[in-house]
Amino acid sequence: MIRIHKTKRGFTLVEMILVIAIIVILASVMTIAIAGYLNNANSVKAKVSSNNSSLISKNKDINSNFIDLGY
């Protein structure tokens, strides 16, 4: 009588679904975190832009005062 040895090769459907579910969960958590970082970066960018425009305005005032004084 010939014995047939079954060797387990590959992955089962349950294992594949589990791995895909874990990848989807990690991707969604990462997407939410990245969205939060982008919102924070955009708000900081707006603050910096506001400060820069304020400094440009003050710099123009200072330059015009020096021109009026003859420097």
C-alpha atoms as a PDB file:
ATOM      1  CA  MET A   1       0.000   0.000   0.000  1.00  0.00           C
ATOM      2  CA  ILE A   2       1.326   3.426  -0.967  1.00  0.00           C
ATOM      3  CA  ARG A   3       1.168   6.147   1.657  1.00  0.00           C
ATOM      4  CA  ILE A   4       0.375   9.640   0.489  1.00  0.00           C
ATOM      5  CA  HIS A   5       2.016  12.343   2.582  1.00  0.00           C
ATOM      6  CA  LYS A   6       0.061  15.545   2.630  1.00  0.00           C
ATOM      7  CA  THR A   7       2.210  18.533   3.233  1.00  0.00           C
ATOM      8  CA  LYS A   8       0.651  21.836   4.063  1.00  0.00           C
ATOM      9  CA  ARG A   9       1.641  24.317   1.410  1.00  0.00           C
ATOM     10  CA  GLY A  10       0.418  27.881   1.038  1.00  0.00           C
ATOM     11  CA  PHE A  11      -2.052  29.778   3.144  1.00  0.00           C
ATOM     12  CA  THR A  12      -5.657  29.070   3.996  1.00  0.00           C
ATOM     13  CA  LEU A  13      -8.426  31.472   3.084  1.00  0.00           C
ATOM     14  CA  VAL A  14      -8.926  32.405   6.745  1.00  0.00           C
ATOM     15  CA  GLU A  15      -5.246  33.321   7.121  1.00  0.00           C
ATOM     16  CA  MET A  16      -5.346  35.477   3.998  1.00  0.00           C
ATOM     17  CA  ILE A  17      -8.502  37.300   5.146  1.00  0.00           C
ATOM     18  CA  LEU A  18      -6.953  37.879   8.569  1.00  0.00           C
ATOM     19  CA  VAL A  19      -3.796  39.381   7.073  1.00  0.00           C
ATOM     20  CA  ILE A  20      -5.790  41.615   4.726  1.00  0.00           C
ATOM     21  CA  ALA A  21      -7.973  42.787   7.626  1.00  0.00           C
ATOM     22  CA  ILE A  22      -4.903  43.676   9.691  1.00  0.00           C
ATOM     23  CA  ILE A  23      -3.404  45.604   6.759  1.00  0.00           C
ATOM     24  CA  VAL A  24      -6.669  47.511   6.239  1.00  0.00           C
ATOM     25  CA  ILE A  25      -6.847  48.430   9.944  1.00  0.00           C
ATOM     26  CA  LEU A  26      -3.245  49.649   9.966  1.00  0.00           C
ATOM     27  CA  ALA A  27      -3.768  51.647   6.773  1.00  0.00           C
ATOM     28  CA  SER A  28      -6.870  53.349   8.162  1.00  0.00           C
ATOM     29  CA  VAL A  29      -5.106  54.267  11.413  1.00  0.00           C
ATOM     30  CA  MET A  30      -2.176  55.661   9.443  1.00  0.00           C
ATOM     31  CA  THR A  31      -4.495  57.641   7.157  1.00  0.00           C
ATOM     32  CA  ILE A  32      -6.243  59.237  10.126  1.00  0.00           C
ATOM     33  CA  ALA A  33      -2.906  60.127  11.734  1.00  0.00           C
ATOM     34  CA  ILE A  34      -1.534  61.629   8.513  1.00  0.00           C
ATOM     35  CA  ALA A  35      -4.710  63.689   8.050  1.00  0.00           C
ATOM     36  CA  GLY A  36      -4.239  65.119  11.546  1.00  0.00           C
ATOM     37  CA  TYR A  37      -0.625  66.006  10.823  1.00  0.00           C
ATOM     38  CA  LEU A  38      -1.624  67.704   7.562  1.00  0.00           C
ATOM     39  CA  ASN A  39      -4.317  69.768   9.283  1.00  0.00           C
ATOM     40  CA  ASN A  40      -1.799  70.837  11.932  1.00  0.00           C
ATOM     41  CA  ALA A  41       0.762  71.724   9.255  1.00  0.00           C
ATOM     42  CA  ASN A  42      -1.780  73.797   7.321  1.00  0.00           C
ATOM     43  CA  SER A  43      -2.759  75.783  10.417  1.00  0.00           C
ATOM     44  CA  VAL A  44       0.892  76.461  11.227  1.00  0.00           C
ATOM     45  CA  LYS A  45       1.462  77.476   7.604  1.00  0.00           C
ATOM     46  CA  ALA A  46      -1.380  80.004   7.860  1.00  0.00           C
ATOM     47  CA  LYS A  47       0.073  81.458  11.074  1.00  0.00           C
ATOM     48  CA  VAL A  48       3.535  81.778   9.528  1.00  0.00           C
ATOM     49  CA  SER A  49       2.100  83.405   6.429  1.00  0.00           C
ATOM     50  CA  SER A  50       0.210  85.891   8.586  1.00  0.00           C
ATOM     51  CA  ASN A  51       3.339  86.719  10.583  1.00  0.00           C
ATOM     52  CA  ASN A  52       5.381  87.117   7.399  1.00  0.00           C
ATOM     53  CA  SER A  53       2.882  89.537   5.875  1.00  0.00           C
ATOM     54  CA  SER A  54       2.889  91.520   9.116  1.00  0.00           C
ATOM     55  CA  LEU A  55       6.691  91.685   9.085  1.00  0.00           C
ATOM     56  CA  ILE A  56       6.736  92.750   5.428  1.00  0.00           C
ATOM     57  CA  SER A  57       4.296  95.541   6.223  1.00  0.00           C
ATOM     58  CA  LYS A  58       6.423  96.748   9.164  1.00  0.00           C
ATOM     59  CA  ASN A  59       9.580  96.532   7.052  1.00  0.00           C
ATOM     60  CA  LYS A  60       7.984  98.748   4.383  1.00  0.00           C
ATOM     61  CA  ASP A  61       6.988 101.285   7.058  1.00  0.00           C
ATOM     62  CA  ILE A  62      10.530 101.353   8.427  1.00  0.00           C
ATOM     63  CA  ASN A  63      12.030 101.762   4.948  1.00  0.00           C
ATOM     64  CA  SER A  64       9.654 104.595   4.104  1.00  0.00           C
ATOM     65  CA  ASN A  65      10.579 106.356   7.363  1.00  0.00           C
ATOM     66  CA  PHE A  66      14.294 106.077   6.531  1.00  0.00           C
ATOM     67  CA  ILE A  67      13.645 107.456   3.051  1.00  0.00           C
ATOM     68  CA  ASP A  68      11.703 110.383   4.555  1.00  0.00           C
ATOM     69  CA  LEU A  69      14.651 111.117   6.879  1.00  0.00           C
ATOM     70  CA  GLY A  70      17.077 111.085   3.983  1.00  0.00           C
ATOM     71  CA  TYR A  71      19.015 107.907   4.733  1.00  0.00           C
END
